[in-house]
Amino acid sequence: MTIEKKETGKEITLKLDGWLDAISAEKFTEVTEEIGEASAIILDFEKVEYISSAGLRQVVTCAKKAKDMNAEFSIIKVNKEVMSIFSLTGLDKKMSICSD
């Protein structure tokens, strides 16, 4: 998994590429912990092929971090396979998730 971080003012976009699983969730956590202050955190899932329960847990942690700093949180460009996992868990009802 690669993660590209883009900052536009206080808006932070993390562009993920690959699998967000137990192995890559640690790297994702490291990147999100570096976020000090933001008005919005956007996860770009255009190139995410798979998400595991460990990956879901870190997405939820990131969403909570955004909420704690009163920042908007969204996940964009989610493919059908990954969206089905968000739907099965009910997370699509609790956070802003847009499919591709």
PDB file of N, CA and C in Angstrom:
ATOM      1  N   MET A   1       0.843  -1.182   0.000  1.00  0.00           N
ATOM      2  CA  MET A   1       0.000   0.000   0.000  1.00  0.00           C
ATOM      3  C   MET A   1       0.882   1.235   0.000  1.00  0.00           C
ATOM      4  N   THR A   2       0.517   2.177  -0.853  1.00  0.00           N
ATOM      5  CA  THR A   2       1.173   3.480  -0.826  1.00  0.00           C
ATOM      6  C   THR A   2       0.124   4.519  -0.436  1.00  0.00           C
ATOM      7  N   ILE A   3       0.587   5.554   0.250  1.00  0.00           N
ATOM      8  CA  ILE A   3      -0.299   6.627   0.691  1.00  0.00           C
ATOM      9  C   ILE A   3       0.342   7.946   0.301  1.00  0.00           C
ATOM     10  N   GLU A   4      -0.387   8.697  -0.493  1.00  0.00           N
ATOM     11  CA  GLU A   4       0.070  10.023  -0.914  1.00  0.00           C
ATOM     12  C   GLU A   4      -0.736  11.062  -0.144  1.00  0.00           C
ATOM     13  N   LYS A   5      -0.036  11.947   0.551  1.00  0.00           N
ATOM     14  CA  LYS A   5      -0.693  12.981   1.352  1.00  0.00           C
ATOM     15  C   LYS A   5      -0.636  14.308   0.616  1.00  0.00           C
ATOM     16  N   LYS A   6      -1.802  14.948   0.467  1.00  0.00           N
ATOM     17  CA  LYS A   6      -1.877  16.241  -0.199  1.00  0.00           C
ATOM     18  C   LYS A   6      -2.590  17.216   0.738  1.00  0.00           C
ATOM     19  N   GLU A   7      -1.966  18.359   0.951  1.00  0.00           N
ATOM     20  CA  GLU A   7      -2.560  19.382   1.813  1.00  0.00           C
ATOM     21  C   GLU A   7      -2.908  20.611   0.987  1.00  0.00           C
ATOM     22  N   THR A   8      -4.162  21.015   1.076  1.00  0.00           N
ATOM     23  CA  THR A   8      -4.633  22.232   0.432  1.00  0.00           C
ATOM     24  C   THR A   8      -5.195  23.111   1.549  1.00  0.00           C
ATOM     25  N   GLY A   9      -4.385  24.041   2.006  1.00  0.00           N
ATOM     26  CA  GLY A   9      -4.774  24.805   3.187  1.00  0.00           C
ATOM     27  C   GLY A   9      -4.844  23.850   4.370  1.00  0.00           C
ATOM     28  N   LYS A  10      -6.003  23.795   5.016  1.00  0.00           N
ATOM     29  CA  LYS A  10      -6.178  22.870   6.143  1.00  0.00           C
ATOM     30  C   LYS A  10      -6.964  21.627   5.733  1.00  0.00           C
ATOM     31  N   GLU A  11      -7.153  21.452   4.431  1.00  0.00           N
ATOM     32  CA  GLU A  11      -7.829  20.253   3.922  1.00  0.00           C
ATOM     33  C   GLU A  11      -6.766  19.213   3.569  1.00  0.00           C
ATOM     34  N   ILE A  12      -6.897  18.031   4.139  1.00  0.00           N
ATOM     35  CA  ILE A  12      -5.910  16.978   3.912  1.00  0.00           C
ATOM     36  C   ILE A  12      -6.563  15.830   3.160  1.00  0.00           C
ATOM     37  N   THR A  13      -5.950  15.454   2.041  1.00  0.00           N
ATOM     38  CA  THR A  13      -6.418  14.309   1.257  1.00  0.00           C
ATOM     39  C   THR A  13      -5.349  13.230   1.310  1.00  0.00           C
ATOM     40  N   LEU A  14      -5.782  12.035   1.675  1.00  0.00           N
ATOM     41  CA  LEU A  14      -4.894  10.874   1.665  1.00  0.00           C
ATOM     42  C   LEU A  14      -5.337   9.966   0.534  1.00  0.00           C
ATOM     43  N   LYS A  15      -4.478   9.815  -0.467  1.00  0.00           N
ATOM     44  CA  LYS A  15      -4.775   8.987  -1.627  1.00  0.00           C
ATOM     45  C   LYS A  15      -4.119   7.616  -1.405  1.00  0.00           C
ATOM     46  N   LEU A  16      -4.952   6.605  -1.225  1.00  0.00           N
ATOM     47  CA  LEU A  16      -4.467   5.261  -0.930  1.00  0.00           C
ATOM     48  C   LEU A  16      -4.431   4.422  -2.190  1.00  0.00           C
ATOM     49  N   ASP A  17      -3.447   3.537  -2.266  1.00  0.00           N
ATOM     50  CA  ASP A  17      -3.287   2.674  -3.439  1.00  0.00           C
ATOM     51  C   ASP A  17      -2.895   1.272  -2.956  1.00  0.00           C
ATOM     52  N   GLY A  18      -3.769   0.288  -3.206  1.00  0.00           N
ATOM     53  CA  GLY A  18      -3.472  -1.092  -2.824  1.00  0.00           C
ATOM     54  C   GLY A  18      -4.503  -1.654  -1.861  1.00  0.00           C
ATOM     55  N   TRP A  19      -4.045  -2.557  -1.021  1.00  0.00           N
ATOM     56  CA  TRP A  19      -4.910  -3.203  -0.028  1.00  0.00           C
ATOM     57  C   TRP A  19      -4.763  -2.518   1.317  1.00  0.00           C
ATOM     58  N   LEU A  20      -5.902  -2.213   1.954  1.00  0.00           N
ATOM     59  CA  LEU A  20      -5.886  -1.687   3.324  1.00  0.00           C
ATOM     60  C   LEU A  20      -6.235  -2.857   4.234  1.00  0.00           C
ATOM     61  N   ASP A  21      -5.193  -3.585   4.638  1.00  0.00           N
ATOM     62  CA  ASP A  21      -5.366  -4.784   5.449  1.00  0.00           C
ATOM     63  C   ASP A  21      -4.537  -4.662   6.727  1.00  0.00           C
ATOM     64  N   ALA A  22      -4.394  -5.771   7.452  1.00  0.00           N
ATOM     65  CA  ALA A  22      -3.672  -5.748   8.728  1.00  0.00           C
ATOM     66  C   ALA A  22      -2.240  -5.244   8.569  1.00  0.00           C
ATOM     67  N   ILE A  23      -1.609  -5.581   7.467  1.00  0.00           N
ATOM     68  CA  ILE A  23      -0.220  -5.177   7.248  1.00  0.00           C
ATOM     69  C   ILE A  23      -0.125  -3.679   6.958  1.00  0.00           C
ATOM     70  N   SER A  24      -0.952  -3.188   6.056  1.00  0.00           N
ATOM     71  CA  SER A  24      -0.877  -1.776   5.666  1.00  0.00           C
ATOM     72  C   SER A  24      -1.603  -0.846   6.635  1.00  0.00           C
ATOM     73  N   ALA A  25      -2.469  -1.390   7.488  1.00  0.00           N
ATOM     74  CA  ALA A  25      -3.199  -0.555   8.449  1.00  0.00           C
ATOM     75  C   ALA A  25      -2.236   0.172   9.381  1.00  0.00           C
ATOM     76  N   GLU A  26      -1.104  -0.464   9.700  1.00  0.00           N
ATOM     77  CA  GLU A  26      -0.109   0.167  10.562  1.00  0.00           C
ATOM     78  C   GLU A  26       0.470   1.423   9.905  1.00  0.00           C
ATOM     79  N   LYS A  27       0.777   1.332   8.609  1.00  0.00           N
ATOM     80  CA  LYS A  27       1.297   2.487   7.875  1.00  0.00           C
ATOM     81  C   LYS A  27       0.237   3.591   7.800  1.00  0.00           C
ATOM     82  N   PHE A  28      -1.013   3.199   7.553  1.00  0.00           N
ATOM     83  CA  PHE A  28      -2.121   4.144   7.495  1.00  0.00           C
ATOM     84  C   PHE A  28      -2.245   4.881   8.833  1.00  0.00           C
ATOM     85  N   THR A  29      -2.131   4.145   9.928  1.00  0.00           N
ATOM     86  CA  THR A  29      -2.214   4.739  11.260  1.00  0.00           C
ATOM     87  C   THR A  29      -1.101   5.752  11.472  1.00  0.00           C
ATOM     88  N   GLU A  30       0.117   5.411  11.064  1.00  0.00           N
ATOM     89  CA  GLU A  30       1.240   6.329  11.212  1.00  0.00           C
ATOM     90  C   GLU A  30       0.985   7.642  10.479  1.00  0.00           C
ATOM     91  N   VAL A  31       0.451   7.539   9.268  1.00  0.00           N
ATOM     92  CA  VAL A  31       0.176   8.744   8.465  1.00  0.00           C
ATOM     93  C   VAL A  31      -0.924   9.582   9.109  1.00  0.00           C
ATOM     94  N   THR A  32      -1.986   8.937   9.581  1.00  0.00           N
ATOM     95  CA  THR A  32      -3.096   9.700  10.171  1.00  0.00           C
ATOM     96  C   THR A  32      -2.714  10.309  11.514  1.00  0.00           C
ATOM     97  N   GLU A  33      -1.826   9.647  12.264  1.00  0.00           N
ATOM     98  CA  GLU A  33      -1.387  10.206  13.545  1.00  0.00           C
ATOM     99  C   GLU A  33      -0.557  11.472  13.352  1.00  0.00           C
ATOM    100  N   GLU A  34       0.047  11.643  12.185  1.00  0.00           N
ATOM    101  CA  GLU A  34       0.839  12.838  11.896  1.00  0.00           C
ATOM    102  C   GLU A  34      -0.027  14.070  11.635  1.00  0.00           C
ATOM    103  N   ILE A  35      -1.317  13.858  11.396  1.00  0.00           N
ATOM    104  CA  ILE A  35      -2.215  14.985  11.122  1.00  0.00           C
ATOM    105  C   ILE A  35      -2.429  15.757  12.413  1.00  0.00           C
ATOM    106  N   GLY A  36      -1.978  17.005  12.418  1.00  0.00           N
ATOM    107  CA  GLY A  36      -2.090  17.816  13.621  1.00  0.00           C
ATOM    108  C   GLY A  36      -3.393  18.588  13.701  1.00  0.00           C
ATOM    109  N   GLU A  37      -3.723  19.276  12.629  1.00  0.00           N
ATOM    110  CA  GLU A  37      -4.926  20.096  12.587  1.00  0.00           C
ATOM    111  C   GLU A  37      -5.434  20.114  11.154  1.00  0.00           C
ATOM    112  N   ALA A  38      -6.742  20.008  11.012  1.00  0.00           N
ATOM    113  CA  ALA A  38      -7.329  20.007   9.669  1.00  0.00           C
ATOM    114  C   ALA A  38      -8.764  20.505   9.731  1.00  0.00           C
ATOM    115  N   SER A  39      -9.219  21.065   8.624  1.00  0.00           N
ATOM    116  CA  SER A  39     -10.634  21.439   8.505  1.00  0.00           C
ATOM    117  C   SER A  39     -11.410  20.308   7.841  1.00  0.00           C
ATOM    118  N   ALA A  40     -10.675  19.467   7.100  1.00  0.00           N
ATOM    119  CA  ALA A  40     -11.300  18.313   6.429  1.00  0.00           C
ATOM    120  C   ALA A  40     -10.238  17.241   6.214  1.00  0.00           C
ATOM    121  N   ILE A  41     -10.662  15.988   6.387  1.00  0.00           N
ATOM    122  CA  ILE A  41      -9.824  14.841   6.059  1.00  0.00           C
ATOM    123  C   ILE A  41     -10.586  14.025   5.029  1.00  0.00           C
ATOM    124  N   ILE A  42      -9.968  13.857   3.872  1.00  0.00           N
ATOM    125  CA  ILE A  42     -10.599  13.127   2.768  1.00  0.00           C
ATOM    126  C   ILE A  42      -9.736  11.915   2.442  1.00  0.00           C
ATOM    127  N   LEU A  43     -10.353  10.750   2.422  1.00  0.00           N
ATOM    128  CA  LEU A  43      -9.659   9.539   2.014  1.00  0.00           C
ATOM    129  C   LEU A  43     -10.069   9.224   0.587  1.00  0.00           C
ATOM    130  N   ASP A  44      -9.119   9.207  -0.318  1.00  0.00           N
ATOM    131  CA  ASP A  44      -9.367   8.900  -1.722  1.00  0.00           C
ATOM    132  C   ASP A  44      -9.089   7.409  -1.924  1.00  0.00           C
ATOM    133  N   PHE A  45     -10.164   6.650  -2.136  1.00  0.00           N
ATOM    134  CA  PHE A  45     -10.079   5.190  -2.256  1.00  0.00           C
ATOM    135  C   PHE A  45     -10.098   4.720  -3.712  1.00  0.00           C
ATOM    136  N   GLU A  46      -9.812   5.613  -4.658  1.00  0.00           N
ATOM    137  CA  GLU A  46      -9.899   5.246  -6.070  1.00  0.00           C
ATOM    138  C   GLU A  46      -9.099   3.986  -6.399  1.00  0.00           C
ATOM    139  N   LYS A  47      -7.944   3.812  -5.773  1.00  0.00           N
ATOM    140  CA  LYS A  47      -7.086   2.677  -6.092  1.00  0.00           C
ATOM    141  C   LYS A  47      -7.023   1.636  -4.971  1.00  0.00           C
ATOM    142  N   VAL A  48      -7.978   1.697  -4.028  1.00  0.00           N
ATOM    143  CA  VAL A  48      -8.038   0.688  -2.973  1.00  0.00           C
ATOM    144  C   VAL A  48      -8.819  -0.508  -3.518  1.00  0.00           C
ATOM    145  N   GLU A  49      -8.156  -1.648  -3.533  1.00  0.00           N
ATOM    146  CA  GLU A  49      -8.755  -2.860  -4.101  1.00  0.00           C
ATOM    147  C   GLU A  49      -9.475  -3.707  -3.057  1.00  0.00           C
ATOM    148  N   TYR A  50      -9.072  -3.566  -1.788  1.00  0.00           N
ATOM    149  CA  TYR A  50      -9.588  -4.427  -0.733  1.00  0.00           C
ATOM    150  C   TYR A  50      -9.424  -3.733   0.606  1.00  0.00           C
ATOM    151  N   ILE A  51     -10.376  -3.964   1.520  1.00  0.00           N
ATOM    152  CA  ILE A  51     -10.253  -3.455   2.887  1.00  0.00           C
ATOM    153  C   ILE A  51     -10.643  -4.567   3.850  1.00  0.00           C
ATOM    154  N   SER A  52      -9.797  -4.810   4.849  1.00  0.00           N
ATOM    155  CA  SER A  52     -10.053  -5.844   5.848  1.00  0.00           C
ATOM    156  C   SER A  52     -10.660  -5.209   7.100  1.00  0.00           C
ATOM    157  N   SER A  53     -10.962  -6.033   8.088  1.00  0.00           N
ATOM    158  CA  SER A  53     -11.500  -5.508   9.347  1.00  0.00           C
ATOM    159  C   SER A  53     -10.484  -4.592  10.029  1.00  0.00           C
ATOM    160  N   ALA A  54      -9.198  -4.909   9.913  1.00  0.00           N
ATOM    161  CA  ALA A  54      -8.162  -4.041  10.483  1.00  0.00           C
ATOM    162  C   ALA A  54      -8.159  -2.687   9.770  1.00  0.00           C
ATOM    163  N   GLY A  55      -8.347  -2.710   8.459  1.00  0.00           N
ATOM    164  CA  GLY A  55      -8.430  -1.470   7.693  1.00  0.00           C
ATOM    165  C   GLY A  55      -9.657  -0.662   8.073  1.00  0.00           C
ATOM    166  N   LEU A  56     -10.791  -1.344   8.242  1.00  0.00           N
ATOM    167  CA  LEU A  56     -12.024  -0.661   8.653  1.00  0.00           C
ATOM    168  C   LEU A  56     -11.837   0.011  10.011  1.00  0.00           C
ATOM    169  N   ARG A  57     -11.191  -0.699  10.913  1.00  0.00           N
ATOM    170  CA  ARG A  57     -10.951  -0.161  12.255  1.00  0.00           C
ATOM    171  C   ARG A  57     -10.150   1.137  12.174  1.00  0.00           C
ATOM    172  N   GLN A  58      -9.142   1.184  11.313  1.00  0.00           N
ATOM    173  CA  GLN A  58      -8.318   2.383  11.196  1.00  0.00           C
ATOM    174  C   GLN A  58      -9.067   3.524  10.510  1.00  0.00           C
ATOM    175  N   VAL A  59      -9.959   3.192   9.590  1.00  0.00           N
ATOM    176  CA  VAL A  59     -10.803   4.221   8.957  1.00  0.00           C
ATOM    177  C   VAL A  59     -11.706   4.855  10.015  1.00  0.00           C
ATOM    178  N   VAL A  60     -12.300   4.014  10.876  1.00  0.00           N
ATOM    179  CA  VAL A  60     -13.158   4.523  11.949  1.00  0.00           C
ATOM    180  C   VAL A  60     -12.344   5.399  12.907  1.00  0.00           C
ATOM    181  N   THR A  61     -11.132   4.979  13.236  1.00  0.00           N
ATOM    182  CA  THR A  61     -10.253   5.767  14.104  1.00  0.00           C
ATOM    183  C   THR A  61      -9.950   7.123  13.475  1.00  0.00           C
ATOM    184  N   CYS A  62      -9.704   7.129  12.174  1.00  0.00           N
ATOM    185  CA  CYS A  62      -9.440   8.375  11.458  1.00  0.00           C
ATOM    186  C   CYS A  62     -10.673   9.282  11.479  1.00  0.00           C
ATOM    187  N   ALA A  63     -11.846   8.704  11.299  1.00  0.00           N
ATOM    188  CA  ALA A  63     -13.091   9.477  11.334  1.00  0.00           C
ATOM    189  C   ALA A  63     -13.298  10.092  12.722  1.00  0.00           C
ATOM    190  N   LYS A  64     -12.979   9.339  13.770  1.00  0.00           N
ATOM    191  CA  LYS A  64     -13.106   9.864  15.135  1.00  0.00           C
ATOM    192  C   LYS A  64     -12.123  11.006  15.370  1.00  0.00           C
ATOM    193  N   LYS A  65     -10.919  10.870  14.818  1.00  0.00           N
ATOM    194  CA  LYS A  65      -9.924  11.936  14.944  1.00  0.00           C
ATOM    195  C   LYS A  65     -10.447  13.213  14.287  1.00  0.00           C
ATOM    196  N   ALA A  66     -11.031  13.066  13.095  1.00  0.00           N
ATOM    197  CA  ALA A  66     -11.599  14.225  12.397  1.00  0.00           C
ATOM    198  C   ALA A  66     -12.706  14.863  13.230  1.00  0.00           C
ATOM    199  N   LYS A  67     -13.575  14.028  13.797  1.00  0.00           N
ATOM    200  CA  LYS A  67     -14.680  14.540  14.613  1.00  0.00           C
ATOM    201  C   LYS A  67     -14.148  15.293  15.830  1.00  0.00           C
ATOM    202  N   ASP A  68     -13.113  14.745  16.470  1.00  0.00           N
ATOM    203  CA  ASP A  68     -12.535  15.383  17.655  1.00  0.00           C
ATOM    204  C   ASP A  68     -11.950  16.760  17.352  1.00  0.00           C
ATOM    205  N   MET A  69     -11.491  16.967  16.114  1.00  0.00           N
ATOM    206  CA  MET A  69     -10.932  18.278  15.749  1.00  0.00           C
ATOM    207  C   MET A  69     -11.943  19.123  14.962  1.00  0.00           C
ATOM    208  N   ASN A  70     -13.212  18.691  14.982  1.00  0.00           N
ATOM    209  CA  ASN A  70     -14.292  19.395  14.283  1.00  0.00           C
ATOM    210  C   ASN A  70     -14.016  19.553  12.796  1.00  0.00           C
ATOM    211  N   ALA A  71     -13.401  18.546  12.215  1.00  0.00           N
ATOM    212  CA  ALA A  71     -13.105  18.553  10.781  1.00  0.00           C
ATOM    213  C   ALA A  71     -14.113  17.666  10.049  1.00  0.00           C
ATOM    214  N   GLU A  72     -14.367  18.007   8.804  1.00  0.00           N
ATOM    215  CA  GLU A  72     -15.207  17.151   7.970  1.00  0.00           C
ATOM    216  C   GLU A  72     -14.420  15.890   7.629  1.00  0.00           C
ATOM    217  N   PHE A  73     -15.136  14.790   7.445  1.00  0.00           N
ATOM    218  CA  PHE A  73     -14.499  13.524   7.090  1.00  0.00           C
ATOM    219  C   PHE A  73     -15.290  12.890   5.957  1.00  0.00           C
ATOM    220  N   SER A  74     -14.581  12.445   4.928  1.00  0.00           N
ATOM    221  CA  SER A  74     -15.270  11.756   3.834  1.00  0.00           C
ATOM    222  C   SER A  74     -14.322  10.778   3.152  1.00  0.00           C
ATOM    223  N   ILE A  75     -14.946   9.792   2.529  1.00  0.00           N
ATOM    224  CA  ILE A  75     -14.221   8.810   1.726  1.00  0.00           C
ATOM    225  C   ILE A  75     -14.803   8.919   0.323  1.00  0.00           C
ATOM    226  N   ILE A  76     -13.928   9.089  -0.662  1.00  0.00           N
ATOM    227  CA  ILE A  76     -14.389   9.300  -2.034  1.00  0.00           C
ATOM    228  C   ILE A  76     -13.856   8.218  -2.969  1.00  0.00           C
ATOM    229  N   LYS A  77     -14.517   8.093  -4.114  1.00  0.00           N
ATOM    230  CA  LYS A  77     -14.090   7.223  -5.218  1.00  0.00           C
ATOM    231  C   LYS A  77     -13.946   5.752  -4.805  1.00  0.00           C
ATOM    232  N   VAL A  78     -14.920   5.260  -4.044  1.00  0.00           N
ATOM    233  CA  VAL A  78     -14.891   3.882  -3.554  1.00  0.00           C
ATOM    234  C   VAL A  78     -15.460   2.950  -4.616  1.00  0.00           C
ATOM    235  N   ASN A  79     -14.732   1.870  -4.937  1.00  0.00           N
ATOM    236  CA  ASN A  79     -15.237   0.921  -5.941  1.00  0.00           C
ATOM    237  C   ASN A  79     -16.346   0.037  -5.352  1.00  0.00           C
ATOM    238  N   LYS A  80     -17.023  -0.720  -6.199  1.00  0.00           N
ATOM    239  CA  LYS A  80     -18.180  -1.513  -5.778  1.00  0.00           C
ATOM    240  C   LYS A  80     -17.833  -2.557  -4.726  1.00  0.00           C
ATOM    241  N   GLU A  81     -16.690  -3.222  -4.881  1.00  0.00           N
ATOM    242  CA  GLU A  81     -16.303  -4.274  -3.938  1.00  0.00           C
ATOM    243  C   GLU A  81     -16.067  -3.711  -2.539  1.00  0.00           C
ATOM    244  N   VAL A  82     -15.322  -2.625  -2.463  1.00  0.00           N
ATOM    245  CA  VAL A  82     -15.039  -2.012  -1.164  1.00  0.00           C
ATOM    246  C   VAL A  82     -16.309  -1.383  -0.599  1.00  0.00           C
ATOM    247  N   MET A  83     -17.135  -0.788  -1.445  1.00  0.00           N
ATOM    248  CA  MET A  83     -18.393  -0.196  -0.988  1.00  0.00           C
ATOM    249  C   MET A  83     -19.300  -1.253  -0.379  1.00  0.00           C
ATOM    250  N   SER A  84     -19.282  -2.468  -0.936  1.00  0.00           N
ATOM    251  CA  SER A  84     -20.123  -3.526  -0.379  1.00  0.00           C
ATOM    252  C   SER A  84     -19.694  -3.870   1.051  1.00  0.00           C
ATOM    253  N   ILE A  85     -18.408  -3.768   1.336  1.00  0.00           N
ATOM    254  CA  ILE A  85     -17.927  -4.022   2.697  1.00  0.00           C
ATOM    255  C   ILE A  85     -18.391  -2.907   3.637  1.00  0.00           C
ATOM    256  N   PHE A  86     -18.298  -1.652   3.183  1.00  0.00           N
ATOM    257  CA  PHE A  86     -18.810  -0.550   3.997  1.00  0.00           C
ATOM    258  C   PHE A  86     -20.316  -0.716   4.245  1.00  0.00           C
ATOM    259  N   SER A  87     -21.050  -1.183   3.249  1.00  0.00           N
ATOM    260  CA  SER A  87     -22.492  -1.385   3.389  1.00  0.00           C
ATOM    261  C   SER A  87     -22.802  -2.511   4.370  1.00  0.00           C
ATOM    262  N   LEU A  88     -22.061  -3.624   4.260  1.00  0.00           N
ATOM    263  CA  LEU A  88     -22.279  -4.759   5.160  1.00  0.00           C
ATOM    264  C   LEU A  88     -22.062  -4.372   6.619  1.00  0.00           C
ATOM    265  N   THR A  89     -21.111  -3.492   6.873  1.00  0.00           N
ATOM    266  CA  THR A  89     -20.800  -3.093   8.242  1.00  0.00           C
ATOM    267  C   THR A  89     -21.693  -1.952   8.732  1.00  0.00           C
ATOM    268  N   GLY A  90     -22.422  -1.316   7.818  1.00  0.00           N
ATOM    269  CA  GLY A  90     -23.273  -0.192   8.182  1.00  0.00           C
ATOM    270  C   GLY A  90     -22.529   1.138   8.245  1.00  0.00           C
ATOM    271  N   LEU A  91     -21.241   1.121   7.934  1.00  0.00           N
ATOM    272  CA  LEU A  91     -20.464   2.361   7.997  1.00  0.00           C
ATOM    273  C   LEU A  91     -20.901   3.368   6.941  1.00  0.00           C
ATOM    274  N   ASP A  92     -21.488   2.872   5.847  1.00  0.00           N
ATOM    275  CA  ASP A  92     -21.972   3.794   4.811  1.00  0.00           C
ATOM    276  C   ASP A  92     -23.109   4.681   5.311  1.00  0.00           C
ATOM    277  N   LYS A  93     -23.731   4.288   6.411  1.00  0.00           N
ATOM    278  CA  LYS A  93     -24.818   5.089   7.006  1.00  0.00           C
ATOM    279  C   LYS A  93     -24.270   6.058   8.060  1.00  0.00           C
ATOM    280  N   LYS A  94     -23.045   5.826   8.526  1.00  0.00           N
ATOM    281  CA  LYS A  94     -22.497   6.617   9.625  1.00  0.00           C
ATOM    282  C   LYS A  94     -21.481   7.657   9.180  1.00  0.00           C
ATOM    283  N   MET A  95     -20.975   7.533   7.938  1.00  0.00           N
ATOM    284  CA  MET A  95     -19.987   8.491   7.446  1.00  0.00           C
ATOM    285  C   MET A  95     -20.235   8.764   5.969  1.00  0.00           C
ATOM    286  N   SER A  96     -19.658   9.848   5.496  1.00  0.00           N
ATOM    287  CA  SER A  96     -19.825  10.239   4.097  1.00  0.00           C
ATOM    288  C   SER A  96     -18.909   9.384   3.204  1.00  0.00           C
ATOM    289  N   ILE A  97     -19.526   8.493   2.433  1.00  0.00           N
ATOM    290  CA  ILE A  97     -18.781   7.609   1.536  1.00  0.00           C
ATOM    291  C   ILE A  97     -19.405   7.709   0.148  1.00  0.00           C
ATOM    292  N   CYS A  98     -18.604   8.061  -0.842  1.00  0.00           N
ATOM    293  CA  CYS A  98     -19.085   8.206  -2.217  1.00  0.00           C
ATOM    294  C   CYS A  98     -18.418   7.170  -3.108  1.00  0.00           C
ATOM    295  N   SER A  99     -19.226   6.471  -3.877  1.00  0.00           N
ATOM    296  CA  SER A  99     -18.668   5.472  -4.789  1.00  0.00           C
ATOM    297  C   SER A  99     -18.151   6.161  -6.050  1.00  0.00           C
ATOM    298  N   ASP A 100     -17.385   5.384  -6.857  1.00  0.00           N
ATOM    299  CA  ASP A 100     -16.785   5.963  -8.072  1.00  0.00           C
ATOM    300  C   ASP A 100     -17.780   6.186  -9.173  1.00  0.00           C
TER     301      ASP A 100
END
